Amino acid sequence: MHPTPEPGEQDVDEPQATAAEIEAEGEYVTADLAGEDVRIIPPGSWRASWQALLNQGQLAAFTDLVIHPDDLDVFWEIDPTNTEFYEFIEDAARQSGESLGKSPGPGRSSRRTRRR
């Protein structure tokens, strides 16, 4: 049993174990990163803790979890811009049949509003 990490402290054992489980199951998709094929775990399979790393700007820790280990060197050689990285994530989502982007929001009510 792992001790509970302190607030703001990342428990790296659990996400890495999960990444290893996903790798063992072969759940990578190949997406285009600046003209190169790079394997990545589809965004819909990311753990919340992985997304938190990305949101905190911890790109190295994040990519260690989601990019296929054999493709990490290619990723860092490309050194993608923010735009290239975002397009790469969008392509990974498309390759896995997912959709990134804004939610359409709630539907319009079927009840009409009364005009005064």
PDB file of N, CA and C in Angstrom:
ATOM      1  N   MET A   1       0.845  -1.182   0.000  1.00  0.00           N
ATOM      2  CA  MET A   1       0.000   0.000   0.000  1.00  0.00           C
ATOM      3  C   MET A   1       0.889   1.243   0.000  1.00  0.00           C
ATOM      4  N   HIS A   2       0.562   2.187  -0.875  1.00  0.00           N
ATOM      5  CA  HIS A   2       1.343   3.413  -0.990  1.00  0.00           C
ATOM      6  C   HIS A   2       0.838   4.442   0.002  1.00  0.00           C
ATOM      7  N   PRO A   3       1.749   5.206   0.616  1.00  0.00           N
ATOM      8  CA  PRO A   3       1.293   6.289   1.485  1.00  0.00           C
ATOM      9  C   PRO A   3       0.629   7.368   0.644  1.00  0.00           C
ATOM     10  N   THR A   4      -0.324   8.048   1.235  1.00  0.00           N
ATOM     11  CA  THR A   4      -1.020   9.123   0.543  1.00  0.00           C
ATOM     12  C   THR A   4      -0.078  10.306   0.411  1.00  0.00           C
ATOM     13  N   PRO A   5       0.081  10.835  -0.825  1.00  0.00           N
ATOM     14  CA  PRO A   5       0.987  11.975  -0.996  1.00  0.00           C
ATOM     15  C   PRO A   5       0.424  13.223  -0.328  1.00  0.00           C
ATOM     16  N   GLU A   6       1.308  14.088   0.106  1.00  0.00           N
ATOM     17  CA  GLU A   6       0.913  15.362   0.682  1.00  0.00           C
ATOM     18  C   GLU A   6       0.310  16.223  -0.422  1.00  0.00           C
ATOM     19  N   PRO A   7      -0.554  17.207  -0.059  1.00  0.00           N
ATOM     20  CA  PRO A   7      -1.108  18.101  -1.084  1.00  0.00           C
ATOM     21  C   PRO A   7       0.007  18.752  -1.890  1.00  0.00           C
ATOM     22  N   GLY A   8      -0.141  18.755  -3.197  1.00  0.00           N
ATOM     23  CA  GLY A   8       0.853  19.336  -4.090  1.00  0.00           C
ATOM     24  C   GLY A   8       1.985  18.394  -4.434  1.00  0.00           C
ATOM     25  N   GLU A   9       1.999  17.214  -3.812  1.00  0.00           N
ATOM     26  CA  GLU A   9       3.044  16.225  -4.069  1.00  0.00           C
ATOM     27  C   GLU A   9       2.472  15.169  -5.002  1.00  0.00           C
ATOM     28  N   GLN A  10       3.195  14.804  -6.040  1.00  0.00           N
ATOM     29  CA  GLN A  10       2.728  13.831  -7.028  1.00  0.00           C
ATOM     30  C   GLN A  10       3.154  12.428  -6.635  1.00  0.00           C
ATOM     31  N   ASP A  11       2.185  11.499  -6.558  1.00  0.00           N
ATOM     32  CA  ASP A  11       2.503  10.092  -6.319  1.00  0.00           C
ATOM     33  C   ASP A  11       2.815   9.488  -7.678  1.00  0.00           C
ATOM     34  N   VAL A  12       4.104   9.408  -8.023  1.00  0.00           N
ATOM     35  CA  VAL A  12       4.488   8.985  -9.364  1.00  0.00           C
ATOM     36  C   VAL A  12       4.396   7.486  -9.566  1.00  0.00           C
ATOM     37  N   ASP A  13       4.404   6.691  -8.501  1.00  0.00           N
ATOM     38  CA  ASP A  13       4.342   5.242  -8.663  1.00  0.00           C
ATOM     39  C   ASP A  13       3.031   4.802  -9.285  1.00  0.00           C
ATOM     40  N   GLU A  14       1.924   5.336  -8.814  1.00  0.00           N
ATOM     41  CA  GLU A  14       0.620   4.914  -9.304  1.00  0.00           C
ATOM     42  C   GLU A  14       0.428   5.263 -10.778  1.00  0.00           C
ATOM     43  N   PRO A  15       0.662   6.523 -11.204  1.00  0.00           N
ATOM     44  CA  PRO A  15       0.493   6.815 -12.625  1.00  0.00           C
ATOM     45  C   PRO A  15       1.431   6.006 -13.519  1.00  0.00           C
ATOM     46  N   GLN A  16       2.677   5.783 -13.085  1.00  0.00           N
ATOM     47  CA  GLN A  16       3.596   5.006 -13.904  1.00  0.00           C
ATOM     48  C   GLN A  16       3.131   3.566 -14.004  1.00  0.00           C
ATOM     49  N   ALA A  17       2.608   3.023 -12.912  1.00  0.00           N
ATOM     50  CA  ALA A  17       2.079   1.659 -12.956  1.00  0.00           C
ATOM     51  C   ALA A  17       0.910   1.601 -13.917  1.00  0.00           C
ATOM     52  N   THR A  18       0.063   2.605 -13.883  1.00  0.00           N
ATOM     53  CA  THR A  18      -1.076   2.638 -14.783  1.00  0.00           C
ATOM     54  C   THR A  18      -0.610   2.777 -16.224  1.00  0.00           C
ATOM     55  N   ALA A  19       0.381   3.612 -16.468  1.00  0.00           N
ATOM     56  CA  ALA A  19       0.919   3.757 -17.822  1.00  0.00           C
ATOM     57  C   ALA A  19       1.478   2.431 -18.306  1.00  0.00           C
ATOM     58  N   ALA A  20       2.146   1.697 -17.418  1.00  0.00           N
ATOM     59  CA  ALA A  20       2.690   0.386 -17.787  1.00  0.00           C
ATOM     60  C   ALA A  20       1.569  -0.592 -18.111  1.00  0.00           C
ATOM     61  N   GLU A  21       0.462  -0.519 -17.362  1.00  0.00           N
ATOM     62  CA  GLU A  21      -0.682  -1.392 -17.648  1.00  0.00           C
ATOM     63  C   GLU A  21      -1.257  -1.079 -19.025  1.00  0.00           C
ATOM     64  N   ILE A  22      -1.400   0.192 -19.325  1.00  0.00           N
ATOM     65  CA  ILE A  22      -1.948   0.582 -20.626  1.00  0.00           C
ATOM     66  C   ILE A  22      -1.008   0.153 -21.738  1.00  0.00           C
ATOM     67  N   GLU A  23       0.312   0.340 -21.533  1.00  0.00           N
ATOM     68  CA  GLU A  23       1.289  -0.072 -22.539  1.00  0.00           C
ATOM     69  C   GLU A  23       1.182  -1.569 -22.787  1.00  0.00           C
ATOM     70  N   ALA A  24       1.041  -2.344 -21.711  1.00  0.00           N
ATOM     71  CA  ALA A  24       0.943  -3.800 -21.844  1.00  0.00           C
ATOM     72  C   ALA A  24      -0.284  -4.184 -22.650  1.00  0.00           C
ATOM     73  N   GLU A  25      -1.336  -3.392 -22.540  1.00  0.00           N
ATOM     74  CA  GLU A  25      -2.560  -3.673 -23.283  1.00  0.00           C
ATOM     75  C   GLU A  25      -2.491  -3.132 -24.711  1.00  0.00           C
ATOM     76  N   GLY A  26      -1.441  -2.402 -25.051  1.00  0.00           N
ATOM     77  CA  GLY A  26      -1.278  -1.890 -26.402  1.00  0.00           C
ATOM     78  C   GLY A  26      -2.238  -0.780 -26.761  1.00  0.00           C
ATOM     79  N   GLU A  27      -2.599   0.050 -25.796  1.00  0.00           N
ATOM     80  CA  GLU A  27      -3.588   1.093 -26.033  1.00  0.00           C
ATOM     81  C   GLU A  27      -2.969   2.404 -26.502  1.00  0.00           C
ATOM     82  N   TYR A  28      -2.049   2.346 -27.431  1.00  0.00           N
ATOM     83  CA  TYR A  28      -1.463   3.547 -28.004  1.00  0.00           C
ATOM     84  C   TYR A  28      -2.083   3.789 -29.368  1.00  0.00           C
ATOM     85  N   VAL A  29      -2.153   5.051 -29.749  1.00  0.00           N
ATOM     86  CA  VAL A  29      -2.514   5.404 -31.117  1.00  0.00           C
ATOM     87  C   VAL A  29      -1.319   6.133 -31.708  1.00  0.00           C
ATOM     88  N   THR A  30      -1.214   6.110 -33.015  1.00  0.00           N
ATOM     89  CA  THR A  30      -0.139   6.825 -33.695  1.00  0.00           C
ATOM     90  C   THR A  30      -0.706   8.129 -34.223  1.00  0.00           C
ATOM     91  N   ALA A  31      -0.076   9.225 -33.836  1.00  0.00           N
ATOM     92  CA  ALA A  31      -0.530  10.545 -34.258  1.00  0.00           C
ATOM     93  C   ALA A  31       0.635  11.297 -34.890  1.00  0.00           C
ATOM     94  N   ASP A  32       0.289  12.292 -35.698  1.00  0.00           N
ATOM     95  CA  ASP A  32       1.287  13.092 -36.403  1.00  0.00           C
ATOM     96  C   ASP A  32       1.778  14.232 -35.519  1.00  0.00           C
ATOM     97  N   LEU A  33       3.087  14.299 -35.332  1.00  0.00           N
ATOM     98  CA  LEU A  33       3.707  15.401 -34.603  1.00  0.00           C
ATOM     99  C   LEU A  33       4.738  16.031 -35.522  1.00  0.00           C
ATOM    100  N   ALA A  34       4.381  17.161 -36.103  1.00  0.00           N
ATOM    101  CA  ALA A  34       5.285  17.893 -36.997  1.00  0.00           C
ATOM    102  C   ALA A  34       5.848  16.991 -38.090  1.00  0.00           C
ATOM    103  N   GLY A  35       4.986  16.148 -38.665  1.00  0.00           N
ATOM    104  CA  GLY A  35       5.390  15.285 -39.768  1.00  0.00           C
ATOM    105  C   GLY A  35       5.971  13.942 -39.359  1.00  0.00           C
ATOM    106  N   GLU A  36       6.072  13.674 -38.077  1.00  0.00           N
ATOM    107  CA  GLU A  36       6.604  12.399 -37.580  1.00  0.00           C
ATOM    108  C   GLU A  36       5.494  11.617 -36.883  1.00  0.00           C
ATOM    109  N   ASP A  37       5.522  10.293 -37.028  1.00  0.00           N
ATOM    110  CA  ASP A  37       4.578   9.434 -36.317  1.00  0.00           C
ATOM    111  C   ASP A  37       5.087   9.193 -34.905  1.00  0.00           C
ATOM    112  N   VAL A  38       4.248   9.510 -33.927  1.00  0.00           N
ATOM    113  CA  VAL A  38       4.583   9.324 -32.516  1.00  0.00           C
ATOM    114  C   VAL A  38       3.406   8.619 -31.853  1.00  0.00           C
ATOM    115  N   ARG A  39       3.712   7.571 -31.090  1.00  0.00           N
ATOM    116  CA  ARG A  39       2.661   6.828 -30.392  1.00  0.00           C
ATOM    117  C   ARG A  39       2.364   7.480 -29.045  1.00  0.00           C
ATOM    118  N   ILE A  40       1.063   7.570 -28.745  1.00  0.00           N
ATOM    119  CA  ILE A  40       0.607   8.222 -27.519  1.00  0.00           C
ATOM    120  C   ILE A  40      -0.635   7.504 -27.006  1.00  0.00           C
ATOM    121  N   ILE A  41      -0.800   7.507 -25.700  1.00  0.00           N
ATOM    122  CA  ILE A  41      -2.028   6.987 -25.108  1.00  0.00           C
ATOM    123  C   ILE A  41      -3.134   7.973 -25.466  1.00  0.00           C
ATOM    124  N   PRO A  42      -4.282   7.502 -25.950  1.00  0.00           N
ATOM    125  CA  PRO A  42      -5.357   8.417 -26.345  1.00  0.00           C
ATOM    126  C   PRO A  42      -5.799   9.309 -25.184  1.00  0.00           C
ATOM    127  N   PRO A  43      -6.122  10.567 -25.458  1.00  0.00           N
ATOM    128  CA  PRO A  43      -6.519  11.495 -24.396  1.00  0.00           C
ATOM    129  C   PRO A  43      -7.648  10.981 -23.505  1.00  0.00           C
ATOM    130  N   GLY A  44      -8.582  10.228 -24.046  1.00  0.00           N
ATOM    131  CA  GLY A  44      -9.684   9.707 -23.239  1.00  0.00           C
ATOM    132  C   GLY A  44      -9.250   8.687 -22.205  1.00  0.00           C
ATOM    133  N   SER A  45      -8.036   8.165 -22.333  1.00  0.00           N
ATOM    134  CA  SER A  45      -7.516   7.180 -21.376  1.00  0.00           C
ATOM    135  C   SER A  45      -6.586   7.800 -20.338  1.00  0.00           C
ATOM    136  N   TRP A  46      -6.349   9.106 -20.434  1.00  0.00           N
ATOM    137  CA  TRP A  46      -5.465   9.760 -19.481  1.00  0.00           C
ATOM    138  C   TRP A  46      -6.110   9.796 -18.106  1.00  0.00           C
ATOM    139  N   ARG A  47      -5.304   9.611 -17.087  1.00  0.00           N
ATOM    140  CA  ARG A  47      -5.752   9.750 -15.703  1.00  0.00           C
ATOM    141  C   ARG A  47      -5.828  11.239 -15.365  1.00  0.00           C
ATOM    142  N   ALA A  48      -6.671  11.585 -14.416  1.00  0.00           N
ATOM    143  CA  ALA A  48      -6.797  12.983 -13.991  1.00  0.00           C
ATOM    144  C   ALA A  48      -5.458  13.521 -13.491  1.00  0.00           C
ATOM    145  N   SER A  49      -4.683  12.665 -12.832  1.00  0.00           N
ATOM    146  CA  SER A  49      -3.381  13.111 -12.320  1.00  0.00           C
ATOM    147  C   SER A  49      -2.426  13.448 -13.466  1.00  0.00           C
ATOM    148  N   TRP A  50      -2.559  12.747 -14.599  1.00  0.00           N
ATOM    149  CA  TRP A  50      -1.713  13.042 -15.759  1.00  0.00           C
ATOM    150  C   TRP A  50      -2.101  14.394 -16.333  1.00  0.00           C
ATOM    151  N   GLN A  51      -3.411  14.628 -16.456  1.00  0.00           N
ATOM    152  CA  GLN A  51      -3.908  15.901 -16.977  1.00  0.00           C
ATOM    153  C   GLN A  51      -3.452  17.040 -16.067  1.00  0.00           C
ATOM    154  N   ALA A  52      -3.443  16.798 -14.756  1.00  0.00           N
ATOM    155  CA  ALA A  52      -2.991  17.819 -13.811  1.00  0.00           C
ATOM    156  C   ALA A  52      -1.530  18.181 -14.067  1.00  0.00           C
ATOM    157  N   LEU A  53      -0.699  17.184 -14.369  1.00  0.00           N
ATOM    158  CA  LEU A  53       0.703  17.467 -14.693  1.00  0.00           C
ATOM    159  C   LEU A  53       0.798  18.389 -15.900  1.00  0.00           C
ATOM    160  N   LEU A  54       0.012  18.097 -16.926  1.00  0.00           N
ATOM    161  CA  LEU A  54       0.022  18.925 -18.133  1.00  0.00           C
ATOM    162  C   LEU A  54      -0.445  20.341 -17.807  1.00  0.00           C
ATOM    163  N   ASN A  55      -1.521  20.445 -17.035  1.00  0.00           N
ATOM    164  CA  ASN A  55      -2.057  21.759 -16.677  1.00  0.00           C
ATOM    165  C   ASN A  55      -1.083  22.570 -15.827  1.00  0.00           C
ATOM    166  N   GLN A  56      -0.234  21.886 -15.074  1.00  0.00           N
ATOM    167  CA  GLN A  56       0.761  22.556 -14.233  1.00  0.00           C
ATOM    168  C   GLN A  56       2.047  22.859 -14.997  1.00  0.00           C
ATOM    169  N   GLY A  57       2.077  22.515 -16.279  1.00  0.00           N
ATOM    170  CA  GLY A  57       3.252  22.798 -17.097  1.00  0.00           C
ATOM    171  C   GLY A  57       4.385  21.809 -16.918  1.00  0.00           C
ATOM    172  N   GLN A  58       4.106  20.664 -16.323  1.00  0.00           N
ATOM    173  CA  GLN A  58       5.134  19.647 -16.106  1.00  0.00           C
ATOM    174  C   GLN A  58       5.164  18.697 -17.303  1.00  0.00           C
ATOM    175  N   LEU A  59       5.576  19.244 -18.448  1.00  0.00           N
ATOM    176  CA  LEU A  59       5.522  18.511 -19.708  1.00  0.00           C
ATOM    177  C   LEU A  59       6.399  17.266 -19.702  1.00  0.00           C
ATOM    178  N   ALA A  60       7.574  17.330 -19.100  1.00  0.00           N
ATOM    179  CA  ALA A  60       8.468  16.164 -19.078  1.00  0.00           C
ATOM    180  C   ALA A  60       7.823  15.002 -18.327  1.00  0.00           C
ATOM    181  N   ALA A  61       7.258  15.271 -17.164  1.00  0.00           N
ATOM    182  CA  ALA A  61       6.601  14.209 -16.387  1.00  0.00           C
ATOM    183  C   ALA A  61       5.379  13.687 -17.132  1.00  0.00           C
ATOM    184  N   PHE A  62       4.633  14.599 -17.757  1.00  0.00           N
ATOM    185  CA  PHE A  62       3.436  14.215 -18.501  1.00  0.00           C
ATOM    186  C   PHE A  62       3.785  13.326 -19.689  1.00  0.00           C
ATOM    187  N   THR A  63       4.768  13.745 -20.485  1.00  0.00           N
ATOM    188  CA  THR A  63       5.111  12.962 -21.676  1.00  0.00           C
ATOM    189  C   THR A  63       5.692  11.609 -21.312  1.00  0.00           C
ATOM    190  N   ASP A  64       6.392  11.522 -20.186  1.00  0.00           N
ATOM    191  CA  ASP A  64       6.906  10.221 -19.742  1.00  0.00           C
ATOM    192  C   ASP A  64       5.773   9.226 -19.518  1.00  0.00           C
ATOM    193  N   LEU A  65       4.594   9.731 -19.185  1.00  0.00           N
ATOM    194  CA  LEU A  65       3.448   8.864 -18.913  1.00  0.00           C
ATOM    195  C   LEU A  65       2.632   8.529 -20.157  1.00  0.00           C
ATOM    196  N   VAL A  66       2.515   9.459 -21.097  1.00  0.00           N
ATOM    197  CA  VAL A  66       1.582   9.242 -22.211  1.00  0.00           C
ATOM    198  C   VAL A  66       2.239   8.901 -23.544  1.00  0.00           C
ATOM    199  N   ILE A  67       3.490   9.298 -23.755  1.00  0.00           N
ATOM    200  CA  ILE A  67       4.183   8.988 -25.008  1.00  0.00           C
ATOM    201  C   ILE A  67       4.814   7.606 -24.884  1.00  0.00           C
ATOM    202  N   HIS A  68       4.735   6.828 -25.951  1.00  0.00           N
ATOM    203  CA  HIS A  68       5.351   5.491 -25.938  1.00  0.00           C
ATOM    204  C   HIS A  68       6.843   5.647 -25.637  1.00  0.00           C
ATOM    205  N   PRO A  69       7.389   4.806 -24.747  1.00  0.00           N
ATOM    206  CA  PRO A  69       8.807   4.940 -24.375  1.00  0.00           C
ATOM    207  C   PRO A  69       9.764   4.949 -25.568  1.00  0.00           C
ATOM    208  N   ASP A  70       9.453   4.191 -26.610  1.00  0.00           N
ATOM    209  CA  ASP A  70      10.327   4.154 -27.789  1.00  0.00           C
ATOM    210  C   ASP A  70      10.260   5.441 -28.611  1.00  0.00           C
ATOM    211  N   ASP A  71       9.243   6.282 -28.364  1.00  0.00           N
ATOM    212  CA  ASP A  71       9.063   7.506 -29.142  1.00  0.00           C
ATOM    213  C   ASP A  71       9.440   8.771 -28.371  1.00  0.00           C
ATOM    214  N   LEU A  72       9.844   8.632 -27.124  1.00  0.00           N
ATOM    215  CA  LEU A  72      10.181   9.814 -26.325  1.00  0.00           C
ATOM    216  C   LEU A  72      11.329  10.618 -26.927  1.00  0.00           C
ATOM    217  N   ASP A  73      12.366   9.945 -27.417  1.00  0.00           N
ATOM    218  CA  ASP A  73      13.493  10.669 -28.014  1.00  0.00           C
ATOM    219  C   ASP A  73      13.046  11.473 -29.229  1.00  0.00           C
ATOM    220  N   VAL A  74      12.178  10.883 -30.049  1.00  0.00           N
ATOM    221  CA  VAL A  74      11.663  11.589 -31.230  1.00  0.00           C
ATOM    222  C   VAL A  74      10.892  12.826 -30.785  1.00  0.00           C
ATOM    223  N   PHE A  75      10.046  12.656 -29.767  1.00  0.00           N
ATOM    224  CA  PHE A  75       9.263  13.782 -29.258  1.00  0.00           C
ATOM    225  C   PHE A  75      10.178  14.932 -28.849  1.00  0.00           C
ATOM    226  N   TRP A  76      11.210  14.632 -28.067  1.00  0.00           N
ATOM    227  CA  TRP A  76      12.084  15.696 -27.573  1.00  0.00           C
ATOM    228  C   TRP A  76      13.000  16.254 -28.657  1.00  0.00           C
ATOM    229  N   GLU A  77      13.346  15.452 -29.675  1.00  0.00           N
ATOM    230  CA  GLU A  77      14.128  15.973 -30.805  1.00  0.00           C
ATOM    231  C   GLU A  77      13.309  16.984 -31.598  1.00  0.00           C
ATOM    232  N   ILE A  78      12.014  16.704 -31.751  1.00  0.00           N
ATOM    233  CA  ILE A  78      11.135  17.632 -32.467  1.00  0.00           C
ATOM    234  C   ILE A  78      10.978  18.921 -31.670  1.00  0.00           C
ATOM    235  N   ASP A  79      10.920  18.807 -30.341  1.00  0.00           N
ATOM    236  CA  ASP A  79      10.733  19.966 -29.467  1.00  0.00           C
ATOM    237  C   ASP A  79       9.564  20.817 -29.982  1.00  0.00           C
ATOM    238  N   PRO A  80       8.346  20.251 -29.932  1.00  0.00           N
ATOM    239  CA  PRO A  80       7.207  20.907 -30.573  1.00  0.00           C
ATOM    240  C   PRO A  80       6.828  22.241 -29.938  1.00  0.00           C
ATOM    241  N   THR A  81       6.290  23.105 -30.785  1.00  0.00           N
ATOM    242  CA  THR A  81       5.708  24.351 -30.295  1.00  0.00           C
ATOM    243  C   THR A  81       4.386  24.007 -29.617  1.00  0.00           C
ATOM    244  N   ASN A  82       3.806  24.964 -28.922  1.00  0.00           N
ATOM    245  CA  ASN A  82       2.506  24.728 -28.293  1.00  0.00           C
ATOM    246  C   ASN A  82       1.458  24.366 -29.337  1.00  0.00           C
ATOM    247  N   THR A  83       1.491  25.037 -30.479  1.00  0.00           N
ATOM    248  CA  THR A  83       0.534  24.750 -31.543  1.00  0.00           C
ATOM    249  C   THR A  83       0.722  23.341 -32.077  1.00  0.00           C
ATOM    250  N   GLU A  84       1.968  22.936 -32.333  1.00  0.00           N
ATOM    251  CA  GLU A  84       2.238  21.578 -32.818  1.00  0.00           C
ATOM    252  C   GLU A  84       1.806  20.534 -31.790  1.00  0.00           C
ATOM    253  N   PHE A  85       2.044  20.813 -30.512  1.00  0.00           N
ATOM    254  CA  PHE A  85       1.661  19.873 -29.463  1.00  0.00           C
ATOM    255  C   PHE A  85       0.145  19.731 -29.414  1.00  0.00           C
ATOM    256  N   TYR A  86      -0.575  20.851 -29.470  1.00  0.00           N
ATOM    257  CA  TYR A  86      -2.038  20.815 -29.440  1.00  0.00           C
ATOM    258  C   TYR A  86      -2.581  20.057 -30.651  1.00  0.00           C
ATOM    259  N   GLU A  87      -2.026  20.301 -31.831  1.00  0.00           N
ATOM    260  CA  GLU A  87      -2.461  19.585 -33.039  1.00  0.00           C
ATOM    261  C   GLU A  87      -2.182  18.090 -32.916  1.00  0.00           C
ATOM    262  N   PHE A  88      -1.064  17.737 -32.291  1.00  0.00           N
ATOM    263  CA  PHE A  88      -0.710  16.337 -32.045  1.00  0.00           C
ATOM    264  C   PHE A  88      -1.758  15.671 -31.149  1.00  0.00           C
ATOM    265  N   ILE A  89      -2.155  16.356 -30.078  1.00  0.00           N
ATOM    266  CA  ILE A  89      -3.160  15.815 -29.162  1.00  0.00           C
ATOM    267  C   ILE A  89      -4.505  15.684 -29.879  1.00  0.00           C
ATOM    268  N   GLU A  90      -4.861  16.682 -30.688  1.00  0.00           N
ATOM    269  CA  GLU A  90      -6.111  16.600 -31.459  1.00  0.00           C
ATOM    270  C   GLU A  90      -6.083  15.411 -32.409  1.00  0.00           C
ATOM    271  N   ASP A  91      -4.947  15.186 -33.077  1.00  0.00           N
ATOM    272  CA  ASP A  91      -4.824  14.057 -33.998  1.00  0.00           C
ATOM    273  C   ASP A  91      -4.935  12.740 -33.240  1.00  0.00           C
ATOM    274  N   ALA A  92      -4.328  12.656 -32.064  1.00  0.00           N
ATOM    275  CA  ALA A  92      -4.424  11.439 -31.247  1.00  0.00           C
ATOM    276  C   ALA A  92      -5.878  11.163 -30.878  1.00  0.00           C
ATOM    277  N   ALA A  93      -6.612  12.203 -30.541  1.00  0.00           N
ATOM    278  CA  ALA A  93      -8.029  12.035 -30.207  1.00  0.00           C
ATOM    279  C   ALA A  93      -8.805  11.537 -31.423  1.00  0.00           C
ATOM    280  N   ARG A  94      -8.535  12.133 -32.593  1.00  0.00           N
ATOM    281  CA  ARG A  94      -9.218  11.689 -33.826  1.00  0.00           C
ATOM    282  C   ARG A  94      -8.889  10.238 -34.134  1.00  0.00           C
ATOM    283  N   GLN A  95      -7.621   9.862 -33.997  1.00  0.00           N
ATOM    284  CA  GLN A  95      -7.199   8.493 -34.308  1.00  0.00           C
ATOM    285  C   GLN A  95      -7.896   7.478 -33.409  1.00  0.00           C
ATOM    286  N   SER A  96      -8.248   7.895 -32.196  1.00  0.00           N
ATOM    287  CA  SER A  96      -8.899   6.976 -31.260  1.00  0.00           C
ATOM    288  C   SER A  96     -10.416   7.096 -31.304  1.00  0.00           C
ATOM    289  N   GLY A  97     -10.930   7.950 -32.198  1.00  0.00           N
ATOM    290  CA  GLY A  97     -12.372   8.105 -32.327  1.00  0.00           C
ATOM    291  C   GLY A  97     -12.978   9.027 -31.289  1.00  0.00           C
ATOM    292  N   GLU A  98     -12.147   9.795 -30.613  1.00  0.00           N
ATOM    293  CA  GLU A  98     -12.624  10.734 -29.602  1.00  0.00           C
ATOM    294  C   GLU A  98     -12.732  12.117 -30.217  1.00  0.00           C
ATOM    295  N   SER A  99     -13.344  13.002 -29.475  1.00  0.00           N
ATOM    296  CA  SER A  99     -13.452  14.374 -29.925  1.00  0.00           C
ATOM    297  C   SER A  99     -12.985  15.295 -28.817  1.00  0.00           C
ATOM    298  N   LEU A 100     -12.062  16.186 -29.137  1.00  0.00           N
ATOM    299  CA  LEU A 100     -11.656  17.213 -28.186  1.00  0.00           C
ATOM    300  C   LEU A 100     -12.380  18.485 -28.571  1.00  0.00           C
ATOM    301  N   GLY A 101     -12.441  19.387 -27.679  1.00  0.00           N
ATOM    302  CA  GLY A 101     -13.049  20.660 -28.002  1.00  0.00           C
ATOM    303  C   GLY A 101     -14.174  20.982 -27.059  1.00  0.00           C
ATOM    304  N   LYS A 102     -14.883  22.003 -27.428  1.00  0.00           N
ATOM    305  CA  LYS A 102     -15.917  22.502 -26.549  1.00  0.00           C
ATOM    306  C   LYS A 102     -17.150  21.614 -26.591  1.00  0.00           C
ATOM    307  N   SER A 103     -17.760  21.492 -25.447  1.00  0.00           N
ATOM    308  CA  SER A 103     -19.025  20.785 -25.344  1.00  0.00           C
ATOM    309  C   SER A 103     -20.091  21.645 -26.002  1.00  0.00           C
ATOM    310  N   PRO A 104     -21.082  21.031 -26.633  1.00  0.00           N
ATOM    311  CA  PRO A 104     -22.119  21.837 -27.253  1.00  0.00           C
ATOM    312  C   PRO A 104     -22.973  22.562 -26.227  1.00  0.00           C
ATOM    313  N   GLY A 105     -22.873  22.199 -24.957  1.00  0.00           N
ATOM    314  CA  GLY A 105     -23.653  22.860 -23.918  1.00  0.00           C
ATOM    315  C   GLY A 105     -25.040  22.270 -23.828  1.00  0.00           C
ATOM    316  N   PRO A 106     -25.838  22.782 -22.924  1.00  0.00           N
ATOM    317  CA  PRO A 106     -27.178  22.223 -22.761  1.00  0.00           C
ATOM    318  C   PRO A 106     -28.051  22.531 -23.969  1.00  0.00           C
ATOM    319  N   GLY A 107     -28.952  21.631 -24.240  1.00  0.00           N
ATOM    320  CA  GLY A 107     -29.872  21.839 -25.352  1.00  0.00           C
ATOM    321  C   GLY A 107     -30.907  22.886 -25.010  1.00  0.00           C
ATOM    322  N   ARG A 108     -31.527  23.418 -26.013  1.00  0.00           N
ATOM    323  CA  ARG A 108     -32.565  24.416 -25.793  1.00  0.00           C
ATOM    324  C   ARG A 108     -33.779  23.745 -25.193  1.00  0.00           C
ATOM    325  N   SER A 109     -34.439  24.446 -24.342  1.00  0.00           N
ATOM    326  CA  SER A 109     -35.640  23.925 -23.715  1.00  0.00           C
ATOM    327  C   SER A 109     -36.740  23.814 -24.756  1.00  0.00           C
ATOM    328  N   SER A 110     -37.535  22.770 -24.624  1.00  0.00           N
ATOM    329  CA  SER A 110     -38.649  22.618 -25.557  1.00  0.00           C
ATOM    330  C   SER A 110     -39.817  23.505 -25.143  1.00  0.00           C
ATOM    331  N   ARG A 111     -39.783  24.004 -23.902  1.00  0.00           N
ATOM    332  CA  ARG A 111     -40.857  24.895 -23.445  1.00  0.00           C
ATOM    333  C   ARG A 111     -40.591  26.303 -23.944  1.00  0.00           C
ATOM    334  N   ARG A 112     -41.606  26.907 -24.405  1.00  0.00           N
ATOM    335  CA  ARG A 112     -41.477  28.280 -24.882  1.00  0.00           C
ATOM    336  C   ARG A 112     -41.537  29.230 -23.701  1.00  0.00           C
ATOM    337  N   THR A 113     -40.796  30.306 -23.788  1.00  0.00           N
ATOM    338  CA  THR A 113     -40.876  31.311 -22.732  1.00  0.00           C
ATOM    339  C   THR A 113     -41.990  32.285 -23.068  1.00  0.00           C
ATOM    340  N   ARG A 114     -42.645  32.720 -22.039  1.00  0.00           N
ATOM    341  CA  ARG A 114     -43.773  33.627 -22.236  1.00  0.00           C
ATOM    342  C   ARG A 114     -43.257  35.034 -22.495  1.00  0.00           C
ATOM    343  N   ARG A 115     -43.766  35.642 -23.518  1.00  0.00           N
ATOM    344  CA  ARG A 115     -43.384  37.024 -23.827  1.00  0.00           C
ATOM    345  C   ARG A 115     -44.329  37.977 -23.127  1.00  0.00           C
ATOM    346  N   ARG A 116     -43.794  39.080 -22.708  1.00  0.00           N
ATOM    347  CA  ARG A 116     -44.632  40.087 -22.031  1.00  0.00           C
ATOM    348  C   ARG A 116     -44.955  41.215 -22.951  1.00  0.00           C
TER     349      ARG A 116
END
